[in-house]
Amino acid sequence: MNHNIQSLTLSKLKAHSALRNEFLILPFDEFAEKMHSDSHLKNKFYSFLLFENAEGSIMIDRQEFDVKSRKFFFINYNQVYHFKNIRCSQGFVLMFTRSFYNYVYTGNKVIKSDNALNDVSPYIVLSEEHFADLSRTFEELQTEYLKSKFLRKEIICLLLKVFVLKYIRSSDKKNRVERSVDHKKQIVDDFSNLVNRHFKELKTTSQYAAKLNITANYLNVLIKENLDIPAGQFIKNRVILEAERLLLHTTLSVTEISYELGFGDNSHFGKYFKSATNYAPAKYRLMKTE
């Protein structure tokens, strides 16, 4: 088990064609060379892993996925991942920040902001036809990326949006982004974003409702309607996910993790974690890493 999760930023990868550390394309072998083979990486950006000829597996948070040719992966902000026995003779890594995706505003409610990326499938397996289609868009992105011409950043941003939409269209979750984005959906998106930013210090529905200027009951109704779980459970799931990341990918003690996640004492954290997983934190770590 690694001593630490490596927090990965675009600046660490030293893009040869600087877009102010906002957008980067690297061949997979070059990306892998910059990482230790056992590195557990935590993105501070969005990533697409495009495997054209590869095998092995990738662990993303708690799930392990096999890697194979024409299988593309999406890794969200703050997800922890590491590679296992990866052999890739042809593939690329496409990385970009939230601010870069939002650089060109569109009026379309589905794609106007990076909220379009909230529910993207973690992977897609492409047919030959869809692989060729998505590859063409990626090649356009890569060609523009390697240029230094007028309006380069704007064109790359628009091509990136096209790439993202084609990825979503090729996934089993495409129906999720076809729903109209109305005021209620916006509240749900805002709630999700707030939880991702504040889950360490805010752990109750009423605290988030206050930030959204609505009642806790109304927020709970909206979350149940859209996400099929109560708002409180959504918050707890996010806390538990981070706890599992820290237990599995770092050597922080259980006490250190409890304080990292905003719990006043180790006992409170232990009860909170066990109520969700049926295991005490130390036992969960031992069971999952032995």
C-alpha atoms as a PDB file:
ATOM      1  CA  MET A   1       0.000   0.000   0.000  1.00  0.00           C
ATOM      2  CA  ASN A   2       1.305   3.455  -0.860  1.00  0.00           C
ATOM      3  CA  HIS A   3       2.277   5.871   1.890  1.00  0.00           C
ATOM      4  CA  ASN A   4       0.466   8.702   0.129  1.00  0.00           C
ATOM      5  CA  ILE A   5      -1.946   9.461  -2.648  1.00  0.00           C
ATOM      6  CA  GLN A   6      -0.117  11.492  -5.262  1.00  0.00           C
ATOM      7  CA  SER A   7      -2.106  14.644  -5.985  1.00  0.00           C
ATOM      8  CA  LEU A   8      -1.728  15.041  -9.719  1.00  0.00           C
ATOM      9  CA  THR A   9      -1.919  18.455 -11.379  1.00  0.00           C
ATOM     10  CA  LEU A  10      -1.295  19.344 -14.995  1.00  0.00           C
ATOM     11  CA  SER A  11       1.666  21.503 -14.002  1.00  0.00           C
ATOM     12  CA  LYS A  12       3.396  18.406 -12.645  1.00  0.00           C
ATOM     13  CA  LEU A  13       3.208  16.814 -16.080  1.00  0.00           C
ATOM     14  CA  LYS A  14       4.993  19.775 -17.696  1.00  0.00           C
ATOM     15  CA  ALA A  15       2.966  20.231 -20.868  1.00  0.00           C
ATOM     16  CA  HIS A  16       5.218  20.958 -23.833  1.00  0.00           C
ATOM     17  CA  SER A  17       2.496  23.110 -25.365  1.00  0.00           C
ATOM     18  CA  ALA A  18       1.366  25.218 -22.445  1.00  0.00           C
ATOM     19  CA  LEU A  19      -2.259  26.267 -22.194  1.00  0.00           C
ATOM     20  CA  ARG A  20      -1.571  27.673 -18.730  1.00  0.00           C
ATOM     21  CA  ASN A  21      -1.807  24.177 -17.258  1.00  0.00           C
ATOM     22  CA  GLU A  22      -5.427  23.807 -18.350  1.00  0.00           C
ATOM     23  CA  PHE A  23      -5.343  21.260 -21.169  1.00  0.00           C
ATOM     24  CA  LEU A  24      -2.924  18.478 -22.058  1.00  0.00           C
ATOM     25  CA  ILE A  25      -2.628  15.505 -24.403  1.00  0.00           C
ATOM     26  CA  LEU A  26       0.074  12.897 -23.793  1.00  0.00           C
ATOM     27  CA  PRO A  27       0.832   9.498 -25.317  1.00  0.00           C
ATOM     28  CA  PHE A  28       0.019   6.931 -22.632  1.00  0.00           C
ATOM     29  CA  ASP A  29       3.578   5.581 -22.493  1.00  0.00           C
ATOM     30  CA  GLU A  30       4.906   9.103 -21.844  1.00  0.00           C
ATOM     31  CA  PHE A  31       2.309   9.608 -19.106  1.00  0.00           C
ATOM     32  CA  ALA A  32       3.200   6.236 -17.534  1.00  0.00           C
ATOM     33  CA  GLU A  33       6.916   7.102 -17.548  1.00  0.00           C
ATOM     34  CA  LYS A  34       6.222  10.148 -15.379  1.00  0.00           C
ATOM     35  CA  MET A  35       4.405   8.016 -12.789  1.00  0.00           C
ATOM     36  CA  HIS A  36       5.836   5.320 -10.537  1.00  0.00           C
ATOM     37  CA  SER A  37       4.387   1.923 -11.377  1.00  0.00           C
ATOM     38  CA  ASP A  38       2.646   1.683  -7.987  1.00  0.00           C
ATOM     39  CA  SER A  39       1.497   5.304  -7.809  1.00  0.00           C
ATOM     40  CA  HIS A  40      -2.007   5.973  -6.519  1.00  0.00           C
ATOM     41  CA  LEU A  41      -3.065   9.122  -8.357  1.00  0.00           C
ATOM     42  CA  LYS A  42      -5.681  11.694  -7.399  1.00  0.00           C
ATOM     43  CA  ASN A  43      -6.672  14.003 -10.235  1.00  0.00           C
ATOM     44  CA  LYS A  44      -7.086  17.728  -9.876  1.00  0.00           C
ATOM     45  CA  PHE A  45      -8.653  17.742 -13.342  1.00  0.00           C
ATOM     46  CA  TYR A  46     -10.752  15.582 -15.688  1.00  0.00           C
ATOM     47  CA  SER A  47      -9.091  12.752 -17.630  1.00  0.00           C
ATOM     48  CA  PHE A  48      -9.932  10.525 -20.553  1.00  0.00           C
ATOM     49  CA  LEU A  49      -7.756   7.448 -21.040  1.00  0.00           C
ATOM     50  CA  LEU A  50      -7.902   6.328 -24.652  1.00  0.00           C
ATOM     51  CA  PHE A  51      -6.623   2.784 -25.100  1.00  0.00           C
ATOM     52  CA  GLU A  52      -6.201   1.715 -28.712  1.00  0.00           C
ATOM     53  CA  ASN A  53      -4.036  -1.356 -28.091  1.00  0.00           C
ATOM     54  CA  ALA A  54      -3.688  -2.328 -24.440  1.00  0.00           C
ATOM     55  CA  GLU A  55      -4.276  -4.886 -21.696  1.00  0.00           C
ATOM     56  CA  GLY A  56      -4.156  -5.012 -17.911  1.00  0.00           C
ATOM     57  CA  SER A  57      -6.467  -3.325 -15.427  1.00  0.00           C
ATOM     58  CA  ILE A  58      -7.144  -0.024 -13.688  1.00  0.00           C
ATOM     59  CA  MET A  59      -8.488   0.482 -10.184  1.00  0.00           C
ATOM     60  CA  ILE A  60     -10.725   3.577  -9.877  1.00  0.00           C
ATOM     61  CA  ASP A  61     -11.670   4.206  -6.242  1.00  0.00           C
ATOM     62  CA  ARG A  62     -13.143   0.861  -5.154  1.00  0.00           C
ATOM     63  CA  GLN A  63     -13.720  -0.694  -8.575  1.00  0.00           C
ATOM     64  CA  GLU A  64     -11.310  -2.603 -10.777  1.00  0.00           C
ATOM     65  CA  PHE A  65     -11.815  -2.516 -14.558  1.00  0.00           C
ATOM     66  CA  ASP A  66     -10.078  -4.540 -17.226  1.00  0.00           C
ATOM     67  CA  VAL A  67      -8.210  -2.582 -19.883  1.00  0.00           C
ATOM     68  CA  LYS A  68      -8.435  -3.630 -23.500  1.00  0.00           C
ATOM     69  CA  SER A  69      -8.273  -2.216 -26.978  1.00  0.00           C
ATOM     70  CA  ARG A  70     -10.956   0.304 -27.967  1.00  0.00           C
ATOM     71  CA  LYS A  71     -11.947   0.791 -24.325  1.00  0.00           C
ATOM     72  CA  PHE A  72     -11.934   4.410 -23.154  1.00  0.00           C
ATOM     73  CA  PHE A  73     -12.095   5.567 -19.527  1.00  0.00           C
ATOM     74  CA  PHE A  74     -13.264   8.781 -17.858  1.00  0.00           C
ATOM     75  CA  ILE A  75     -11.781   9.817 -14.488  1.00  0.00           C
ATOM     76  CA  ASN A  76     -13.431  12.635 -12.581  1.00  0.00           C
ATOM     77  CA  TYR A  77     -11.979  15.284 -10.282  1.00  0.00           C
ATOM     78  CA  ASN A  78     -10.547  13.818  -7.044  1.00  0.00           C
ATOM     79  CA  GLN A  79     -11.007  10.183  -8.041  1.00  0.00           C
ATOM     80  CA  VAL A  80      -8.128   7.967  -6.958  1.00  0.00           C
ATOM     81  CA  TYR A  81      -6.797   5.421  -9.431  1.00  0.00           C
ATOM     82  CA  HIS A  82      -3.830   3.224 -10.149  1.00  0.00           C
ATOM     83  CA  PHE A  83      -2.785   0.834 -12.895  1.00  0.00           C
ATOM     84  CA  LYS A  84      -2.159  -2.896 -12.552  1.00  0.00           C
ATOM     85  CA  ASN A  85       0.047  -4.722 -15.053  1.00  0.00           C
ATOM     86  CA  ILE A  86      -0.742  -2.238 -17.807  1.00  0.00           C
ATOM     87  CA  ARG A  87       0.743  -2.954 -21.214  1.00  0.00           C
ATOM     88  CA  CYS A  88      -0.156  -0.313 -23.762  1.00  0.00           C
ATOM     89  CA  SER A  89       1.506  -0.070 -27.149  1.00  0.00           C
ATOM     90  CA  GLN A  90      -0.873   2.604 -28.375  1.00  0.00           C
ATOM     91  CA  GLY A  91      -2.992   5.025 -26.381  1.00  0.00           C
ATOM     92  CA  PHE A  92      -3.359   8.579 -25.136  1.00  0.00           C
ATOM     93  CA  VAL A  93      -4.302  10.536 -22.040  1.00  0.00           C
ATOM     94  CA  LEU A  94      -6.493  13.625 -22.492  1.00  0.00           C
ATOM     95  CA  MET A  95      -6.595  15.944 -19.463  1.00  0.00           C
ATOM     96  CA  PHE A  96      -8.310  19.260 -18.824  1.00  0.00           C
ATOM     97  CA  THR A  97      -9.484  21.462 -15.992  1.00  0.00           C
ATOM     98  CA  ARG A  98     -12.989  22.570 -15.093  1.00  0.00           C
ATOM     99  CA  SER A  99     -12.149  26.169 -16.013  1.00  0.00           C
ATOM    100  CA  PHE A 100     -10.894  25.114 -19.437  1.00  0.00           C
ATOM    101  CA  TYR A 101     -14.082  23.174 -20.253  1.00  0.00           C
ATOM    102  CA  ASN A 102     -16.092  26.249 -19.258  1.00  0.00           C
ATOM    103  CA  TYR A 103     -13.908  28.641 -21.263  1.00  0.00           C
ATOM    104  CA  VAL A 104     -16.350  28.797 -24.192  1.00  0.00           C
ATOM    105  CA  TYR A 105     -19.906  29.313 -22.989  1.00  0.00           C
ATOM    106  CA  THR A 106     -22.800  27.857 -24.952  1.00  0.00           C
ATOM    107  CA  GLY A 107     -26.470  28.539 -24.337  1.00  0.00           C
ATOM    108  CA  ASN A 108     -27.379  24.855 -24.570  1.00  0.00           C
ATOM    109  CA  LYS A 109     -28.595  23.722 -21.145  1.00  0.00           C
ATOM    110  CA  VAL A 110     -26.940  20.299 -21.372  1.00  0.00           C
ATOM    111  CA  ILE A 111     -23.434  21.365 -22.378  1.00  0.00           C
ATOM    112  CA  LYS A 112     -23.137  24.966 -21.193  1.00  0.00           C
ATOM    113  CA  SER A 113     -20.944  24.000 -18.228  1.00  0.00           C
ATOM    114  CA  ASP A 114     -18.976  21.108 -16.815  1.00  0.00           C
ATOM    115  CA  ASN A 115     -22.162  19.863 -15.094  1.00  0.00           C
ATOM    116  CA  ALA A 116     -22.437  17.744 -18.248  1.00  0.00           C
ATOM    117  CA  LEU A 117     -19.573  15.697 -16.770  1.00  0.00           C
ATOM    118  CA  ASN A 118     -21.297  14.945 -13.459  1.00  0.00           C
ATOM    119  CA  ASP A 119     -22.773  11.661 -14.642  1.00  0.00           C
ATOM    120  CA  VAL A 120     -20.425  10.450 -17.354  1.00  0.00           C
ATOM    121  CA  SER A 121     -19.921   6.697 -17.590  1.00  0.00           C
ATOM    122  CA  PRO A 122     -16.522   5.581 -16.189  1.00  0.00           C
ATOM    123  CA  TYR A 123     -15.790   3.647 -19.377  1.00  0.00           C
ATOM    124  CA  ILE A 124     -17.091   2.788 -22.831  1.00  0.00           C
ATOM    125  CA  VAL A 125     -16.249  -0.121 -25.111  1.00  0.00           C
ATOM    126  CA  LEU A 126     -16.440   1.066 -28.695  1.00  0.00           C
ATOM    127  CA  SER A 127     -17.530  -0.745 -31.817  1.00  0.00           C
ATOM    128  CA  GLU A 128     -15.238  -0.339 -34.800  1.00  0.00           C
ATOM    129  CA  GLU A 129     -17.550   2.327 -36.247  1.00  0.00           C
ATOM    130  CA  HIS A 130     -17.838   4.356 -33.027  1.00  0.00           C
ATOM    131  CA  PHE A 131     -14.126   3.984 -32.361  1.00  0.00           C
ATOM    132  CA  ALA A 132     -13.347   5.463 -35.780  1.00  0.00           C
ATOM    133  CA  ASP A 133     -15.792   8.326 -35.195  1.00  0.00           C
ATOM    134  CA  LEU A 134     -14.450   9.251 -31.750  1.00  0.00           C
ATOM    135  CA  SER A 135     -10.863   8.832 -32.934  1.00  0.00           C
ATOM    136  CA  ARG A 136     -11.429  11.330 -35.745  1.00  0.00           C
ATOM    137  CA  THR A 137     -12.609  13.930 -33.228  1.00  0.00           C
ATOM    138  CA  PHE A 138      -9.627  13.197 -31.003  1.00  0.00           C
ATOM    139  CA  GLU A 139      -7.258  13.558 -33.964  1.00  0.00           C
ATOM    140  CA  GLU A 140      -8.760  16.987 -34.691  1.00  0.00           C
ATOM    141  CA  LEU A 141      -8.180  17.931 -31.053  1.00  0.00           C
ATOM    142  CA  GLN A 142      -4.618  16.695 -31.185  1.00  0.00           C
ATOM    143  CA  THR A 143      -3.886  18.511 -34.449  1.00  0.00           C
ATOM    144  CA  GLU A 144      -5.174  21.812 -33.053  1.00  0.00           C
ATOM    145  CA  TYR A 145      -3.331  21.228 -29.775  1.00  0.00           C
ATOM    146  CA  LEU A 146      -0.011  20.939 -31.604  1.00  0.00           C
ATOM    147  CA  LYS A 147      -0.555  24.242 -33.427  1.00  0.00           C
ATOM    148  CA  SER A 148       0.072  27.745 -32.136  1.00  0.00           C
ATOM    149  CA  LYS A 149      -2.471  29.646 -34.160  1.00  0.00           C
ATOM    150  CA  PHE A 150      -5.045  32.375 -33.632  1.00  0.00           C
ATOM    151  CA  LEU A 151      -8.149  31.222 -31.657  1.00  0.00           C
ATOM    152  CA  ARG A 152      -6.423  27.942 -30.804  1.00  0.00           C
ATOM    153  CA  LYS A 153      -7.796  27.799 -27.249  1.00  0.00           C
ATOM    154  CA  GLU A 154     -11.374  28.484 -28.360  1.00  0.00           C
ATOM    155  CA  ILE A 155     -11.243  25.824 -31.065  1.00  0.00           C
ATOM    156  CA  ILE A 156      -9.764  23.235 -28.720  1.00  0.00           C
ATOM    157  CA  CYS A 157     -12.483  23.951 -26.139  1.00  0.00           C
ATOM    158  CA  LEU A 158     -15.246  23.499 -28.717  1.00  0.00           C
ATOM    159  CA  LEU A 159     -13.697  20.305 -30.087  1.00  0.00           C
ATOM    160  CA  LEU A 160     -13.374  19.035 -26.521  1.00  0.00           C
ATOM    161  CA  LYS A 161     -17.100  19.561 -25.980  1.00  0.00           C
ATOM    162  CA  VAL A 162     -17.778  17.584 -29.167  1.00  0.00           C
ATOM    163  CA  PHE A 163     -15.509  14.792 -27.929  1.00  0.00           C
ATOM    164  CA  VAL A 164     -17.287  14.689 -24.550  1.00  0.00           C
ATOM    165  CA  LEU A 165     -20.720  14.573 -26.195  1.00  0.00           C
ATOM    166  CA  LYS A 166     -19.663  11.744 -28.503  1.00  0.00           C
ATOM    167  CA  TYR A 167     -18.288   9.821 -25.516  1.00  0.00           C
ATOM    168  CA  ILE A 168     -21.597  10.289 -23.674  1.00  0.00           C
ATOM    169  CA  ARG A 169     -23.560   9.288 -26.771  1.00  0.00           C
ATOM    170  CA  SER A 170     -21.531   6.070 -26.997  1.00  0.00           C
ATOM    171  CA  SER A 171     -22.190   5.136 -23.368  1.00  0.00           C
ATOM    172  CA  ASP A 172     -25.109   3.325 -21.754  1.00  0.00           C
ATOM    173  CA  LYS A 173     -25.928   6.449 -19.725  1.00  0.00           C
ATOM    174  CA  LYS A 174     -26.698   8.699 -22.658  1.00  0.00           C
ATOM    175  CA  ASN A 175     -30.328   9.019 -21.599  1.00  0.00           C
ATOM    176  CA  ARG A 176     -29.239  10.844 -18.441  1.00  0.00           C
ATOM    177  CA  VAL A 177     -27.915  13.847 -20.324  1.00  0.00           C
ATOM    178  CA  GLU A 178     -30.913  14.012 -22.632  1.00  0.00           C
ATOM    179  CA  ARG A 179     -33.201  15.099 -19.824  1.00  0.00           C
ATOM    180  CA  SER A 180     -34.095  18.744 -19.857  1.00  0.00           C
ATOM    181  CA  VAL A 181     -32.058  20.784 -17.405  1.00  0.00           C
ATOM    182  CA  ASP A 182     -34.629  22.852 -15.529  1.00  0.00           C
ATOM    183  CA  HIS A 183     -34.508  24.861 -12.335  1.00  0.00           C
ATOM    184  CA  LYS A 184     -34.962  21.796 -10.122  1.00  0.00           C
ATOM    185  CA  LYS A 185     -32.155  19.961 -11.887  1.00  0.00           C
ATOM    186  CA  GLN A 186     -29.943  23.006 -11.394  1.00  0.00           C
ATOM    187  CA  ILE A 187     -30.553  22.830  -7.636  1.00  0.00           C
ATOM    188  CA  VAL A 188     -29.575  19.158  -7.661  1.00  0.00           C
ATOM    189  CA  ASP A 189     -26.378  19.964  -9.576  1.00  0.00           C
ATOM    190  CA  ASP A 190     -25.580  22.824  -7.196  1.00  0.00           C
ATOM    191  CA  PHE A 191     -26.158  20.533  -4.208  1.00  0.00           C
ATOM    192  CA  SER A 192     -23.850  17.884  -5.678  1.00  0.00           C
ATOM    193  CA  ASN A 193     -21.118  20.466  -6.278  1.00  0.00           C
ATOM    194  CA  LEU A 194     -21.494  21.869  -2.748  1.00  0.00           C
ATOM    195  CA  VAL A 195     -21.197  18.398  -1.226  1.00  0.00           C
ATOM    196  CA  ASN A 196     -18.007  17.756  -3.181  1.00  0.00           C
ATOM    197  CA  ARG A 197     -16.521  20.997  -1.856  1.00  0.00           C
ATOM    198  CA  HIS A 198     -17.762  20.943   1.747  1.00  0.00           C
ATOM    199  CA  PHE A 199     -18.370  17.314   2.806  1.00  0.00           C
ATOM    200  CA  LYS A 200     -15.553  17.478   5.360  1.00  0.00           C
ATOM    201  CA  GLU A 201     -17.148  20.270   7.375  1.00  0.00           C
ATOM    202  CA  LEU A 202     -20.861  20.044   6.460  1.00  0.00           C
ATOM    203  CA  LYS A 203     -22.631  16.724   6.980  1.00  0.00           C
ATOM    204  CA  THR A 204     -26.344  17.517   7.336  1.00  0.00           C
ATOM    205  CA  THR A 205     -29.072  18.252   4.806  1.00  0.00           C
ATOM    206  CA  SER A 206     -30.102  21.438   6.625  1.00  0.00           C
ATOM    207  CA  GLN A 207     -26.609  22.933   6.274  1.00  0.00           C
ATOM    208  CA  TYR A 208     -26.677  22.521   2.485  1.00  0.00           C
ATOM    209  CA  ALA A 209     -30.293  23.670   2.249  1.00  0.00           C
ATOM    210  CA  ALA A 210     -29.294  26.901   4.000  1.00  0.00           C
ATOM    211  CA  LYS A 211     -26.555  27.494   1.417  1.00  0.00           C
ATOM    212  CA  LEU A 212     -29.097  26.915  -1.385  1.00  0.00           C
ATOM    213  CA  ASN A 213     -31.719  29.144   0.287  1.00  0.00           C
ATOM    214  CA  ILE A 214     -34.354  26.398   0.347  1.00  0.00           C
ATOM    215  CA  THR A 215     -35.832  24.238   3.102  1.00  0.00           C
ATOM    216  CA  ALA A 216     -34.249  20.928   4.057  1.00  0.00           C
ATOM    217  CA  ASN A 217     -37.502  19.089   3.271  1.00  0.00           C
ATOM    218  CA  TYR A 218     -37.667  20.549  -0.245  1.00  0.00           C
ATOM    219  CA  LEU A 219     -34.015  19.704  -0.892  1.00  0.00           C
ATOM    220  CA  ASN A 220     -34.603  16.144   0.273  1.00  0.00           C
ATOM    221  CA  VAL A 221     -37.597  15.777  -2.064  1.00  0.00           C
ATOM    222  CA  LEU A 222     -35.565  17.017  -5.054  1.00  0.00           C
ATOM    223  CA  ILE A 223     -32.638  14.704  -4.323  1.00  0.00           C
ATOM    224  CA  LYS A 224     -34.931  11.695  -3.936  1.00  0.00           C
ATOM    225  CA  GLU A 225     -36.680  12.518  -7.208  1.00  0.00           C
ATOM    226  CA  ASN A 226     -33.456  12.918  -9.172  1.00  0.00           C
ATOM    227  CA  LEU A 227     -30.929  10.631  -7.475  1.00  0.00           C
ATOM    228  CA  ASP A 228     -33.203   8.008  -5.857  1.00  0.00           C
ATOM    229  CA  ILE A 229     -31.645   8.455  -2.405  1.00  0.00           C
ATOM    230  CA  PRO A 230     -32.248  10.947   0.433  1.00  0.00           C
ATOM    231  CA  ALA A 231     -30.023  14.020   0.564  1.00  0.00           C
ATOM    232  CA  GLY A 232     -28.508  12.872   3.850  1.00  0.00           C
ATOM    233  CA  GLN A 233     -27.511   9.561   2.288  1.00  0.00           C
ATOM    234  CA  PHE A 234     -25.905  11.365  -0.664  1.00  0.00           C
ATOM    235  CA  ILE A 235     -23.794  13.401   1.764  1.00  0.00           C
ATOM    236  CA  LYS A 236     -22.864  10.314   3.762  1.00  0.00           C
ATOM    237  CA  ASN A 237     -21.912   8.388   0.608  1.00  0.00           C
ATOM    238  CA  ARG A 238     -19.452  11.145  -0.298  1.00  0.00           C
ATOM    239  CA  VAL A 239     -17.885  11.130   3.170  1.00  0.00           C
ATOM    240  CA  ILE A 240     -17.597   7.330   3.154  1.00  0.00           C
ATOM    241  CA  LEU A 241     -16.087   7.335  -0.339  1.00  0.00           C
ATOM    242  CA  GLU A 242     -13.337   9.697   0.829  1.00  0.00           C
ATOM    243  CA  ALA A 243     -12.822   7.633   3.979  1.00  0.00           C
ATOM    244  CA  GLU A 244     -12.373   4.490   1.889  1.00  0.00           C
ATOM    245  CA  ARG A 245      -9.906   6.281  -0.392  1.00  0.00           C
ATOM    246  CA  LEU A 246      -7.808   7.333   2.592  1.00  0.00           C
ATOM    247  CA  LEU A 247      -7.993   3.906   4.238  1.00  0.00           C
ATOM    248  CA  LEU A 248      -7.019   2.034   1.067  1.00  0.00           C
ATOM    249  CA  HIS A 249      -4.548   4.415  -0.548  1.00  0.00           C
ATOM    250  CA  THR A 250      -2.669   6.029   2.365  1.00  0.00           C
ATOM    251  CA  THR A 251      -1.020   4.965   5.601  1.00  0.00           C
ATOM    252  CA  LEU A 252      -2.730   7.666   7.650  1.00  0.00           C
ATOM    253  CA  SER A 253      -3.957   6.259  10.962  1.00  0.00           C
ATOM    254  CA  VAL A 254      -7.685   5.910  11.577  1.00  0.00           C
ATOM    255  CA  THR A 255      -7.442   8.794  14.050  1.00  0.00           C
ATOM    256  CA  GLU A 256      -5.704  10.982  11.470  1.00  0.00           C
ATOM    257  CA  ILE A 257      -8.363  10.118   8.890  1.00  0.00           C
ATOM    258  CA  SER A 258     -11.157  10.963  11.330  1.00  0.00           C
ATOM    259  CA  TYR A 259      -9.718  14.465  11.826  1.00  0.00           C
ATOM    260  CA  GLU A 260      -9.018  14.848   8.099  1.00  0.00           C
ATOM    261  CA  LEU A 261     -12.711  14.227   7.438  1.00  0.00           C
ATOM    262  CA  GLY A 262     -13.904  16.702  10.053  1.00  0.00           C
ATOM    263  CA  PHE A 263     -14.908  14.347  12.872  1.00  0.00           C
ATOM    264  CA  GLY A 264     -14.311  15.571  16.401  1.00  0.00           C
ATOM    265  CA  ASP A 265     -13.119  12.210  17.669  1.00  0.00           C
ATOM    266  CA  ASN A 266     -12.156   8.764  16.504  1.00  0.00           C
ATOM    267  CA  SER A 267     -15.169   7.082  18.102  1.00  0.00           C
ATOM    268  CA  HIS A 268     -17.683   9.214  16.181  1.00  0.00           C
ATOM    269  CA  PHE A 269     -15.917   8.469  12.897  1.00  0.00           C
ATOM    270  CA  GLY A 270     -15.816   4.739  13.675  1.00  0.00           C
ATOM    271  CA  LYS A 271     -19.563   4.557  14.324  1.00  0.00           C
ATOM    272  CA  TYR A 272     -20.321   6.670  11.240  1.00  0.00           C
ATOM    273  CA  PHE A 273     -18.157   4.457   9.005  1.00  0.00           C
ATOM    274  CA  LYS A 274     -19.458   1.177  10.438  1.00  0.00           C
ATOM    275  CA  SER A 275     -23.094   2.255   9.987  1.00  0.00           C
ATOM    276  CA  ALA A 276     -22.424   2.523   6.239  1.00  0.00           C
ATOM    277  CA  THR A 277     -20.072  -0.414   5.634  1.00  0.00           C
ATOM    278  CA  ASN A 278     -20.749  -2.802   8.561  1.00  0.00           C
ATOM    279  CA  TYR A 279     -17.010  -2.707   9.323  1.00  0.00           C
ATOM    280  CA  ALA A 280     -14.878  -0.679  11.692  1.00  0.00           C
ATOM    281  CA  PRO A 281     -12.373   1.432   9.718  1.00  0.00           C
ATOM    282  CA  ALA A 282      -9.313  -0.571  10.825  1.00  0.00           C
ATOM    283  CA  LYS A 283     -10.985  -3.882   9.981  1.00  0.00           C
ATOM    284  CA  TYR A 284     -12.115  -2.563   6.598  1.00  0.00           C
ATOM    285  CA  ARG A 285      -8.550  -1.502   5.759  1.00  0.00           C
ATOM    286  CA  LEU A 286      -7.145  -4.879   6.813  1.00  0.00           C
ATOM    287  CA  MET A 287      -9.772  -6.827   4.900  1.00  0.00           C
ATOM    288  CA  LYS A 288      -9.315  -4.851   1.674  1.00  0.00           C
ATOM    289  CA  THR A 289      -5.506  -4.708   1.643  1.00  0.00           C
ATOM    290  CA  GLU A 290      -4.438  -8.115   2.930  1.00  0.00           C
END
